[in-house]
């Protein structure tokens, strides 16, 4: 377990913990390892579960615990967390775009480098587009363009790539028009 704890601390320091939710005496987290893994930990008993092959008391669990101990978590009172922690995180993201943008970008960067089908990347791009429509940020938009460029290198011949590129262009026009019409 000491080795898993050390590796978990390293995972945390390397920024592999995407998010952590605290609900009552439980922690729920998502860690970007070889694959994305979902973690659940009881703060009281220390019992844990992870979707990795080890299943419990692994580096992903310790990475989530390290994030919690460092104050990097969200509190929730939603019992939905027990059914879908991701749904609760999505709600937090869309209620707080400034919190959501770094989370989405971090996950997008991960999937651009790991998603063999492009499906998850496309889903995340569309999530990011929705955030941009809510609250435009030139910096976030530019970061998305960089990730899209990386995505396009691999999936250059997908119709989906062309569709996402059109959506990015429309989004830029949409936000430029809205910014111009709101100026005095």
N, C-alpha and C. Protein backbone atom coordinates (compact mmCIF):
# COMPACT_ATOMS: atom_id res chain seq x y z
N UNK A 1 0.82 -1.19 0.00
CA UNK A 1 0.00 0.00 0.00
C UNK A 1 0.87 1.26 0.00
N UNK A 2 2.04 1.22 0.60
CA UNK A 2 2.93 2.39 0.62
C UNK A 2 3.31 2.80 -0.80
N UNK A 3 3.56 1.82 -1.67
CA UNK A 3 3.90 2.11 -3.05
C UNK A 3 2.72 2.79 -3.77
N UNK A 4 1.52 2.29 -3.53
CA UNK A 4 0.32 2.89 -4.14
C UNK A 4 0.12 4.31 -3.63
N UNK A 5 0.39 4.51 -2.35
CA UNK A 5 0.24 5.85 -1.78
C UNK A 5 1.24 6.83 -2.42
N UNK A 6 2.48 6.39 -2.57
CA UNK A 6 3.50 7.24 -3.20
C UNK A 6 3.14 7.55 -4.64
N UNK A 7 2.67 6.54 -5.37
CA UNK A 7 2.27 6.76 -6.76
C UNK A 7 1.06 7.69 -6.84
N UNK A 8 0.14 7.54 -5.88
CA UNK A 8 -1.03 8.41 -5.83
C UNK A 8 -0.63 9.85 -5.59
N UNK A 9 0.32 10.08 -4.71
CA UNK A 9 0.82 11.44 -4.46
C UNK A 9 1.44 12.01 -5.73
N UNK A 10 2.18 11.17 -6.46
CA UNK A 10 2.79 11.61 -7.72
C UNK A 10 1.72 11.94 -8.75
N UNK A 11 0.69 11.11 -8.82
CA UNK A 11 -0.42 11.38 -9.74
C UNK A 11 -1.05 12.73 -9.43
N UNK A 12 -1.26 12.99 -8.15
CA UNK A 12 -1.85 14.28 -7.75
C UNK A 12 -0.93 15.43 -8.17
N UNK A 13 0.35 15.30 -7.86
CA UNK A 13 1.30 16.37 -8.19
C UNK A 13 1.41 16.60 -9.69
N UNK A 14 1.22 15.54 -10.48
CA UNK A 14 1.29 15.66 -11.94
C UNK A 14 -0.02 16.18 -12.55
N UNK A 15 -1.02 16.41 -11.69
CA UNK A 15 -2.29 16.95 -12.17
C UNK A 15 -3.22 15.94 -12.81
N UNK A 16 -3.07 14.67 -12.44
CA UNK A 16 -3.89 13.64 -13.06
C UNK A 16 -5.29 13.51 -12.43
N UNK A 17 -5.52 14.18 -11.31
CA UNK A 17 -6.85 14.15 -10.70
C UNK A 17 -7.68 15.22 -11.42
N UNK A 18 -8.70 14.78 -12.13
CA UNK A 18 -9.52 15.71 -12.89
C UNK A 18 -10.47 16.47 -11.96
N UNK A 19 -11.13 15.76 -11.08
CA UNK A 19 -12.02 16.39 -10.11
C UNK A 19 -12.29 15.44 -8.95
N UNK A 20 -12.71 16.04 -7.82
CA UNK A 20 -13.11 15.28 -6.63
C UNK A 20 -14.37 15.94 -6.07
N UNK A 21 -15.35 15.12 -5.75
CA UNK A 21 -16.58 15.58 -5.10
C UNK A 21 -16.65 14.99 -3.70
N UNK A 22 -17.09 15.79 -2.75
CA UNK A 22 -17.34 15.29 -1.39
C UNK A 22 -18.84 15.33 -1.16
N UNK A 23 -19.40 14.19 -0.86
CA UNK A 23 -20.82 14.06 -0.54
C UNK A 23 -20.92 13.29 0.78
N UNK A 24 -21.44 13.97 1.80
CA UNK A 24 -21.49 13.40 3.15
C UNK A 24 -20.09 12.94 3.54
N UNK A 25 -19.92 11.66 3.86
CA UNK A 25 -18.59 11.17 4.27
C UNK A 25 -17.88 10.39 3.15
N UNK A 26 -18.27 10.70 1.92
CA UNK A 26 -17.70 9.97 0.79
C UNK A 26 -17.05 10.94 -0.20
N UNK A 27 -16.02 10.44 -0.85
CA UNK A 27 -15.35 11.18 -1.93
C UNK A 27 -15.57 10.40 -3.23
N UNK A 28 -15.81 11.15 -4.27
CA UNK A 28 -15.94 10.61 -5.62
C UNK A 28 -14.95 11.37 -6.48
N UNK A 29 -14.20 10.66 -7.30
CA UNK A 29 -13.21 11.35 -8.11
C UNK A 29 -13.01 10.70 -9.47
N UNK A 30 -12.40 11.48 -10.35
CA UNK A 30 -12.02 10.97 -11.66
C UNK A 30 -10.54 11.26 -11.84
N UNK A 31 -9.78 10.21 -12.15
CA UNK A 31 -8.33 10.31 -12.29
C UNK A 31 -7.96 9.87 -13.71
N UNK A 32 -7.12 10.67 -14.35
CA UNK A 32 -6.71 10.39 -15.72
C UNK A 32 -5.38 9.65 -15.71
N UNK A 33 -5.49 8.33 -15.72
CA UNK A 33 -4.30 7.48 -15.74
C UNK A 33 -4.12 6.92 -17.14
N UNK A 34 -3.76 5.65 -17.22
CA UNK A 34 -3.69 4.99 -18.52
C UNK A 34 -5.04 5.12 -19.22
N UNK A 35 -6.09 5.01 -18.45
CA UNK A 35 -7.46 5.26 -18.85
C UNK A 35 -8.05 6.17 -17.79
N UNK A 36 -9.22 6.76 -18.05
CA UNK A 36 -9.86 7.52 -16.97
C UNK A 36 -10.49 6.53 -15.98
N UNK A 37 -10.22 6.76 -14.71
CA UNK A 37 -10.74 5.88 -13.67
C UNK A 37 -11.60 6.67 -12.70
N UNK A 38 -12.68 6.04 -12.28
CA UNK A 38 -13.60 6.63 -11.29
C UNK A 38 -13.33 5.98 -9.94
N UNK A 39 -13.28 6.84 -8.94
CA UNK A 39 -12.90 6.42 -7.59
C UNK A 39 -14.01 6.80 -6.62
N UNK A 40 -14.20 5.96 -5.61
CA UNK A 40 -15.11 6.25 -4.51
C UNK A 40 -14.41 5.84 -3.22
N UNK A 41 -14.41 6.74 -2.23
CA UNK A 41 -13.72 6.47 -0.96
C UNK A 41 -14.60 6.91 0.20
N UNK A 42 -14.68 6.07 1.22
CA UNK A 42 -15.33 6.46 2.46
C UNK A 42 -14.29 7.15 3.33
N UNK A 43 -14.57 8.38 3.72
CA UNK A 43 -13.63 9.12 4.56
C UNK A 43 -13.55 8.47 5.95
N UNK A 44 -14.68 7.99 6.44
CA UNK A 44 -14.70 7.40 7.79
C UNK A 44 -13.99 6.05 7.85
N UNK A 45 -14.37 5.14 6.98
CA UNK A 45 -13.83 3.78 7.07
C UNK A 45 -12.56 3.58 6.24
N UNK A 46 -12.35 4.43 5.25
CA UNK A 46 -11.19 4.27 4.37
C UNK A 46 -11.43 3.26 3.26
N UNK A 47 -12.57 2.61 3.25
CA UNK A 47 -12.87 1.64 2.19
C UNK A 47 -12.98 2.39 0.87
N UNK A 48 -12.47 1.74 -0.17
CA UNK A 48 -12.44 2.41 -1.46
C UNK A 48 -12.82 1.47 -2.59
N UNK A 49 -13.20 2.10 -3.69
CA UNK A 49 -13.47 1.38 -4.93
C UNK A 49 -12.90 2.20 -6.08
N UNK A 50 -12.39 1.51 -7.08
CA UNK A 50 -11.86 2.17 -8.26
C UNK A 50 -12.20 1.31 -9.47
N UNK A 51 -12.37 1.95 -10.60
CA UNK A 51 -12.70 1.20 -11.81
C UNK A 51 -11.45 0.65 -12.51
N UNK A 52 -10.28 0.84 -11.91
CA UNK A 52 -9.05 0.27 -12.49
C UNK A 52 -9.00 -1.24 -12.21
N UNK A 53 -8.08 -1.96 -12.84
CA UNK A 53 -7.99 -3.41 -12.63
C UNK A 53 -7.75 -3.82 -11.18
N UNK A 54 -7.09 -2.98 -10.38
CA UNK A 54 -6.84 -3.33 -8.98
C UNK A 54 -8.14 -3.26 -8.18
N UNK A 55 -8.94 -2.24 -8.44
CA UNK A 55 -10.27 -2.16 -7.85
C UNK A 55 -10.41 -1.42 -6.53
N UNK A 56 -9.34 -1.29 -5.78
CA UNK A 56 -9.40 -0.57 -4.48
C UNK A 56 -7.99 -0.33 -3.97
N UNK A 57 -7.87 0.62 -3.05
CA UNK A 57 -6.58 0.93 -2.41
C UNK A 57 -5.44 1.07 -3.43
N UNK A 58 -5.73 1.69 -4.54
CA UNK A 58 -4.75 1.84 -5.63
C UNK A 58 -4.24 3.27 -5.68
N UNK A 59 -3.35 3.53 -6.60
CA UNK A 59 -2.78 4.87 -6.75
C UNK A 59 -3.85 5.91 -7.09
N UNK A 60 -4.91 5.50 -7.78
CA UNK A 60 -5.98 6.43 -8.13
C UNK A 60 -6.75 6.87 -6.88
N UNK A 61 -6.98 5.93 -6.00
CA UNK A 61 -7.65 6.23 -4.72
C UNK A 61 -6.79 7.21 -3.92
N UNK A 62 -5.50 6.93 -3.84
CA UNK A 62 -4.61 7.79 -3.05
C UNK A 62 -4.45 9.17 -3.70
N UNK A 63 -4.54 9.24 -5.01
CA UNK A 63 -4.49 10.53 -5.70
C UNK A 63 -5.72 11.37 -5.33
N UNK A 64 -6.88 10.74 -5.27
CA UNK A 64 -8.11 11.43 -4.87
C UNK A 64 -8.00 11.89 -3.41
N UNK A 65 -7.50 11.02 -2.55
CA UNK A 65 -7.32 11.40 -1.14
C UNK A 65 -6.35 12.57 -0.99
N UNK A 66 -5.30 12.57 -1.78
CA UNK A 66 -4.32 13.66 -1.75
C UNK A 66 -4.97 14.98 -2.20
N UNK A 67 -5.79 14.91 -3.24
CA UNK A 67 -6.50 16.11 -3.70
C UNK A 67 -7.41 16.64 -2.60
N UNK A 68 -8.11 15.73 -1.94
CA UNK A 68 -9.01 16.12 -0.85
C UNK A 68 -8.22 16.77 0.29
N UNK A 69 -7.13 16.15 0.67
CA UNK A 69 -6.31 16.68 1.76
C UNK A 69 -5.72 18.05 1.42
N UNK A 70 -5.56 18.33 0.13
CA UNK A 70 -5.04 19.62 -0.32
C UNK A 70 -6.15 20.63 -0.63
N UNK A 71 -7.37 20.25 -0.29
CA UNK A 71 -8.50 21.17 -0.47
C UNK A 71 -8.98 21.32 -1.89
N UNK A 72 -8.59 20.42 -2.77
CA UNK A 72 -8.98 20.50 -4.17
C UNK A 72 -10.16 19.56 -4.44
N UNK A 73 -11.33 20.02 -4.03
CA UNK A 73 -12.55 19.25 -4.21
C UNK A 73 -13.75 20.18 -4.17
N UNK A 74 -14.87 19.66 -4.62
CA UNK A 74 -16.15 20.38 -4.57
C UNK A 74 -17.04 19.64 -3.58
N UNK A 75 -17.81 20.39 -2.82
CA UNK A 75 -18.82 19.79 -1.95
C UNK A 75 -20.12 19.74 -2.72
N UNK A 76 -20.87 18.69 -2.49
CA UNK A 76 -22.20 18.59 -3.10
C UNK A 76 -23.18 18.01 -2.09
N UNK A 77 -24.41 18.42 -2.21
CA UNK A 77 -25.47 17.84 -1.38
C UNK A 77 -26.42 17.02 -2.24
N UNK A 78 -26.05 16.82 -3.49
CA UNK A 78 -26.90 16.09 -4.43
C UNK A 78 -26.71 14.58 -4.29
N UNK A 79 -27.80 13.86 -3.95
CA UNK A 79 -27.69 12.40 -3.87
C UNK A 79 -27.45 11.76 -5.25
N UNK A 80 -27.63 12.53 -6.32
CA UNK A 80 -27.35 12.03 -7.67
C UNK A 80 -25.90 11.55 -7.80
N UNK A 81 -25.02 12.07 -6.95
CA UNK A 81 -23.61 11.70 -7.01
C UNK A 81 -23.43 10.18 -6.87
N UNK A 82 -24.33 9.55 -6.12
CA UNK A 82 -24.21 8.10 -5.93
C UNK A 82 -24.56 7.34 -7.20
N UNK A 83 -25.34 7.96 -8.07
CA UNK A 83 -25.72 7.33 -9.33
C UNK A 83 -24.78 7.74 -10.45
N UNK A 84 -24.44 9.05 -10.50
CA UNK A 84 -23.56 9.56 -11.55
C UNK A 84 -22.81 10.78 -11.06
N UNK A 85 -21.61 10.54 -10.56
CA UNK A 85 -20.79 11.65 -10.09
C UNK A 85 -20.47 12.60 -11.24
N UNK A 86 -20.33 12.07 -12.45
CA UNK A 86 -20.05 12.90 -13.62
C UNK A 86 -21.18 13.89 -13.87
N UNK A 87 -22.43 13.46 -13.68
CA UNK A 87 -23.58 14.36 -13.89
C UNK A 87 -23.53 15.52 -12.90
N UNK A 88 -23.14 15.25 -11.67
CA UNK A 88 -23.03 16.31 -10.66
C UNK A 88 -21.91 17.27 -11.03
N UNK A 89 -20.79 16.75 -11.48
CA UNK A 89 -19.68 17.60 -11.92
C UNK A 89 -20.12 18.45 -13.11
N UNK A 90 -20.84 17.86 -14.04
CA UNK A 90 -21.33 18.63 -15.20
C UNK A 90 -22.22 19.78 -14.74
N UNK A 91 -23.04 19.53 -13.76
CA UNK A 91 -23.90 20.59 -13.23
C UNK A 91 -23.06 21.72 -12.62
N UNK A 92 -22.04 21.36 -11.87
CA UNK A 92 -21.13 22.36 -11.28
C UNK A 92 -20.44 23.15 -12.37
N UNK A 93 -19.98 22.45 -13.40
CA UNK A 93 -19.28 23.09 -14.52
C UNK A 93 -20.18 24.13 -15.20
N UNK A 94 -21.43 23.76 -15.44
CA UNK A 94 -22.31 24.67 -16.17
C UNK A 94 -22.88 25.78 -15.29
N UNK A 95 -22.84 25.59 -14.01
CA UNK A 95 -23.23 26.68 -13.10
C UNK A 95 -22.08 27.66 -12.90
N UNK A 96 -20.85 27.18 -13.11
CA UNK A 96 -19.64 27.98 -12.89
C UNK A 96 -18.68 27.80 -14.05
N UNK A 97 -18.93 28.47 -15.18
CA UNK A 97 -18.06 28.27 -16.35
C UNK A 97 -16.58 28.51 -16.07
N UNK A 98 -16.26 29.45 -15.17
CA UNK A 98 -14.84 29.69 -14.88
C UNK A 98 -14.19 28.49 -14.20
N UNK A 99 -14.95 27.75 -13.43
CA UNK A 99 -14.45 26.51 -12.82
C UNK A 99 -14.42 25.40 -13.87
N UNK A 100 -15.43 25.39 -14.73
CA UNK A 100 -15.58 24.32 -15.71
C UNK A 100 -14.57 24.32 -16.84
N UNK A 101 -14.18 25.50 -17.28
CA UNK A 101 -13.29 25.58 -18.43
C UNK A 101 -11.96 24.86 -18.21
N UNK A 102 -11.28 25.06 -17.09
CA UNK A 102 -10.02 24.31 -16.89
C UNK A 102 -10.24 22.79 -16.78
N UNK A 103 -11.36 22.39 -16.21
CA UNK A 103 -11.65 20.95 -16.10
C UNK A 103 -11.86 20.35 -17.48
N UNK A 104 -12.70 21.01 -18.27
CA UNK A 104 -12.97 20.53 -19.64
C UNK A 104 -11.69 20.51 -20.47
N UNK A 105 -10.90 21.57 -20.36
CA UNK A 105 -9.67 21.65 -21.14
C UNK A 105 -8.69 20.54 -20.75
N UNK A 106 -8.54 20.32 -19.47
CA UNK A 106 -7.64 19.25 -18.99
C UNK A 106 -8.09 17.88 -19.51
N UNK A 107 -9.40 17.65 -19.45
CA UNK A 107 -9.92 16.37 -19.93
C UNK A 107 -9.79 16.27 -21.45
N UNK A 108 -10.02 17.37 -22.13
CA UNK A 108 -9.90 17.38 -23.58
C UNK A 108 -8.46 17.07 -24.01
N UNK A 109 -7.50 17.69 -23.36
CA UNK A 109 -6.08 17.42 -23.67
C UNK A 109 -5.78 15.94 -23.46
N UNK A 110 -6.28 15.38 -22.37
CA UNK A 110 -6.07 13.95 -22.10
C UNK A 110 -6.63 13.11 -23.26
N UNK A 111 -7.90 13.37 -23.62
CA UNK A 111 -8.54 12.54 -24.63
C UNK A 111 -7.97 12.76 -26.03
N UNK A 112 -7.52 13.95 -26.34
CA UNK A 112 -6.87 14.18 -27.65
C UNK A 112 -5.69 13.23 -27.79
N UNK A 113 -5.03 12.93 -26.68
CA UNK A 113 -3.86 12.04 -26.71
C UNK A 113 -4.18 10.57 -26.47
N UNK A 114 -5.43 10.24 -26.09
CA UNK A 114 -5.74 8.86 -25.74
C UNK A 114 -6.95 8.25 -26.47
N UNK A 115 -7.80 9.07 -27.06
CA UNK A 115 -9.04 8.57 -27.65
C UNK A 115 -8.79 8.07 -29.06
N UNK A 116 -8.88 6.76 -29.25
CA UNK A 116 -8.58 6.17 -30.55
C UNK A 116 -9.72 6.34 -31.55
N UNK A 117 -10.93 6.62 -31.07
CA UNK A 117 -12.06 6.76 -31.98
C UNK A 117 -12.41 8.21 -32.28
N UNK A 118 -12.00 9.12 -31.41
CA UNK A 118 -12.37 10.53 -31.57
C UNK A 118 -13.71 10.86 -30.97
N UNK A 119 -14.44 9.86 -30.56
CA UNK A 119 -15.80 10.06 -30.04
C UNK A 119 -15.83 10.89 -28.75
N UNK A 120 -14.98 10.54 -27.82
CA UNK A 120 -14.95 11.26 -26.54
C UNK A 120 -14.45 12.69 -26.73
N UNK A 121 -13.50 12.87 -27.63
CA UNK A 121 -12.99 14.21 -27.92
C UNK A 121 -14.11 15.07 -28.50
N UNK A 122 -14.88 14.52 -29.41
CA UNK A 122 -15.99 15.26 -30.01
C UNK A 122 -17.00 15.67 -28.94
N UNK A 123 -17.31 14.76 -28.05
CA UNK A 123 -18.25 15.06 -26.96
C UNK A 123 -17.72 16.20 -26.10
N UNK A 124 -16.44 16.17 -25.80
CA UNK A 124 -15.84 17.21 -24.96
C UNK A 124 -15.75 18.54 -25.69
N UNK A 125 -15.47 18.51 -26.99
CA UNK A 125 -15.47 19.76 -27.75
C UNK A 125 -16.85 20.40 -27.68
N UNK A 126 -17.88 19.61 -27.83
CA UNK A 126 -19.24 20.17 -27.81
C UNK A 126 -19.59 20.70 -26.43
N UNK A 127 -19.10 20.06 -25.41
CA UNK A 127 -19.28 20.56 -24.04
C UNK A 127 -18.57 21.92 -23.89
N UNK A 128 -17.38 22.00 -24.41
CA UNK A 128 -16.60 23.24 -24.36
C UNK A 128 -17.29 24.34 -25.16
N UNK A 129 -17.86 23.98 -26.31
CA UNK A 129 -18.57 24.97 -27.12
C UNK A 129 -19.76 25.54 -26.34
N UNK A 130 -20.47 24.66 -25.64
CA UNK A 130 -21.61 25.12 -24.84
C UNK A 130 -21.15 26.11 -23.76
N UNK A 131 -20.02 25.82 -23.14
CA UNK A 131 -19.47 26.74 -22.13
C UNK A 131 -19.10 28.08 -22.76
N UNK A 132 -18.51 28.04 -23.92
CA UNK A 132 -18.13 29.28 -24.60
C UNK A 132 -19.34 30.12 -24.98
N UNK A 133 -20.44 29.46 -25.35
CA UNK A 133 -21.66 30.20 -25.66
C UNK A 133 -22.21 30.89 -24.42
N UNK A 134 -22.00 30.26 -23.28
CA UNK A 134 -22.47 30.85 -22.02
C UNK A 134 -21.61 32.04 -21.61
N UNK A 135 -20.33 31.88 -21.79
CA UNK A 135 -19.38 32.92 -21.35
C UNK A 135 -18.12 32.81 -22.20
N UNK A 136 -17.99 33.70 -23.17
CA UNK A 136 -16.86 33.63 -24.08
C UNK A 136 -15.56 34.04 -23.39
N UNK A 137 -14.51 33.32 -23.73
CA UNK A 137 -13.16 33.64 -23.26
C UNK A 137 -12.21 33.41 -24.43
N UNK A 138 -11.52 34.46 -24.84
CA UNK A 138 -10.58 34.35 -25.95
C UNK A 138 -9.50 33.31 -25.64
N UNK A 139 -9.01 33.32 -24.40
CA UNK A 139 -7.96 32.38 -24.00
C UNK A 139 -8.44 30.93 -24.11
N UNK A 140 -9.66 30.67 -23.64
CA UNK A 140 -10.23 29.32 -23.71
C UNK A 140 -10.43 28.93 -25.18
N UNK A 141 -10.95 29.85 -25.96
CA UNK A 141 -11.16 29.59 -27.39
C UNK A 141 -9.84 29.25 -28.07
N UNK A 142 -8.80 30.00 -27.80
CA UNK A 142 -7.48 29.75 -28.38
C UNK A 142 -6.94 28.38 -27.95
N UNK A 143 -7.16 28.01 -26.70
CA UNK A 143 -6.73 26.69 -26.21
C UNK A 143 -7.48 25.58 -26.95
N UNK A 144 -8.76 25.81 -27.21
CA UNK A 144 -9.55 24.83 -27.96
C UNK A 144 -9.04 24.70 -29.39
N UNK A 145 -8.66 25.82 -29.99
CA UNK A 145 -8.11 25.76 -31.35
C UNK A 145 -6.83 24.92 -31.40
N UNK A 146 -5.99 25.06 -30.39
CA UNK A 146 -4.75 24.27 -30.32
C UNK A 146 -5.09 22.79 -30.23
N UNK A 147 -6.03 22.44 -29.35
CA UNK A 147 -6.41 21.03 -29.20
C UNK A 147 -7.09 20.51 -30.46
N UNK A 148 -7.88 21.37 -31.10
CA UNK A 148 -8.52 20.94 -32.34
C UNK A 148 -7.47 20.65 -33.41
N UNK A 149 -6.43 21.46 -33.46
CA UNK A 149 -5.33 21.22 -34.40
C UNK A 149 -4.70 19.85 -34.17
N UNK A 150 -4.51 19.49 -32.91
CA UNK A 150 -3.95 18.16 -32.58
C UNK A 150 -4.93 17.05 -32.97
N UNK A 151 -6.19 17.26 -32.68
CA UNK A 151 -7.23 16.29 -33.04
C UNK A 151 -7.27 16.09 -34.55
N UNK A 152 -7.18 17.20 -35.28
CA UNK A 152 -7.28 17.16 -36.75
C UNK A 152 -6.11 16.40 -37.37
N UNK A 153 -4.94 16.43 -36.73
CA UNK A 153 -3.78 15.68 -37.25
C UNK A 153 -4.07 14.19 -37.33
N UNK A 154 -4.83 13.69 -36.38
CA UNK A 154 -5.13 12.26 -36.33
C UNK A 154 -6.40 11.93 -37.11
N UNK A 155 -7.42 12.76 -36.96
CA UNK A 155 -8.74 12.46 -37.54
C UNK A 155 -9.05 13.40 -38.71
N UNK A 156 -8.05 13.67 -39.52
CA UNK A 156 -8.17 14.60 -40.64
C UNK A 156 -9.21 14.19 -41.67
N UNK A 157 -9.46 12.90 -41.82
CA UNK A 157 -10.37 12.43 -42.86
C UNK A 157 -11.77 12.10 -42.34
N UNK A 158 -12.07 12.46 -41.11
CA UNK A 158 -13.39 12.21 -40.54
C UNK A 158 -14.34 13.34 -40.92
N UNK A 159 -15.56 12.99 -41.27
CA UNK A 159 -16.58 14.02 -41.48
C UNK A 159 -16.81 14.77 -40.18
N UNK A 160 -16.71 14.07 -39.08
CA UNK A 160 -16.88 14.68 -37.76
C UNK A 160 -15.90 15.84 -37.57
N UNK A 161 -14.69 15.68 -38.04
CA UNK A 161 -13.68 16.74 -37.91
C UNK A 161 -14.13 17.99 -38.65
N UNK A 162 -14.64 17.81 -39.85
CA UNK A 162 -15.15 18.95 -40.62
C UNK A 162 -16.32 19.62 -39.90
N UNK A 163 -17.18 18.81 -39.33
CA UNK A 163 -18.34 19.34 -38.61
C UNK A 163 -17.90 20.14 -37.38
N UNK A 164 -16.97 19.61 -36.63
CA UNK A 164 -16.45 20.32 -35.45
C UNK A 164 -15.77 21.63 -35.86
N UNK A 165 -15.05 21.59 -36.97
CA UNK A 165 -14.38 22.79 -37.45
C UNK A 165 -15.40 23.88 -37.81
N UNK A 166 -16.49 23.47 -38.45
CA UNK A 166 -17.56 24.42 -38.78
C UNK A 166 -18.17 25.00 -37.49
N UNK A 167 -18.39 24.14 -36.51
CA UNK A 167 -18.95 24.59 -35.24
C UNK A 167 -18.03 25.59 -34.55
N UNK A 168 -16.73 25.35 -34.62
CA UNK A 168 -15.76 26.28 -34.04
C UNK A 168 -15.82 27.64 -34.74
N UNK A 169 -15.90 27.62 -36.07
CA UNK A 169 -15.99 28.86 -36.85
C UNK A 169 -17.28 29.61 -36.53
N UNK A 170 -18.39 28.88 -36.47
CA UNK A 170 -19.67 29.51 -36.15
C UNK A 170 -19.64 30.10 -34.74
N UNK A 171 -19.01 29.42 -33.85
CA UNK A 171 -18.90 29.90 -32.47
C UNK A 171 -18.12 31.20 -32.42
N UNK A 172 -17.04 31.28 -33.17
CA UNK A 172 -16.24 32.50 -33.20
C UNK A 172 -17.07 33.66 -33.77
N UNK A 173 -17.82 33.40 -34.85
CA UNK A 173 -18.69 34.42 -35.44
C UNK A 173 -19.77 34.84 -34.45
N UNK A 174 -20.39 33.85 -33.83
CA UNK A 174 -21.47 34.10 -32.84
C UNK A 174 -20.97 35.00 -31.72
N UNK A 175 -19.83 34.66 -31.17
CA UNK A 175 -19.32 35.44 -30.04
C UNK A 175 -18.80 36.81 -30.50
N UNK A 176 -18.20 36.88 -31.69
CA UNK A 176 -17.73 38.17 -32.21
C UNK A 176 -18.92 39.11 -32.42
N UNK A 177 -19.99 38.59 -32.98
CA UNK A 177 -21.20 39.40 -33.20
C UNK A 177 -21.81 39.85 -31.88
N UNK A 178 -21.87 38.96 -30.92
CA UNK A 178 -22.45 39.31 -29.63
C UNK A 178 -21.59 40.34 -28.90
N UNK A 179 -20.26 40.18 -28.98
CA UNK A 179 -19.36 41.14 -28.34
C UNK A 179 -19.47 42.51 -29.01
N UNK A 180 -19.59 42.52 -30.34
CA UNK A 180 -19.69 43.79 -31.07
C UNK A 180 -21.01 44.50 -30.77
N UNK A 181 -22.11 43.74 -30.69
CA UNK A 181 -23.42 44.36 -30.42
C UNK A 181 -23.58 44.82 -28.98
N UNK A 182 -22.78 44.26 -28.07
CA UNK A 182 -22.89 44.67 -26.66
C UNK A 182 -21.96 45.84 -26.33
N UNK A 183 -21.07 46.21 -27.28
CA UNK A 183 -20.16 47.34 -27.04
C UNK A 183 -20.94 48.64 -27.17
N UNK A 184 -20.59 49.68 -26.35
CA UNK A 184 -21.32 50.95 -26.41
C UNK A 184 -21.02 51.73 -27.66
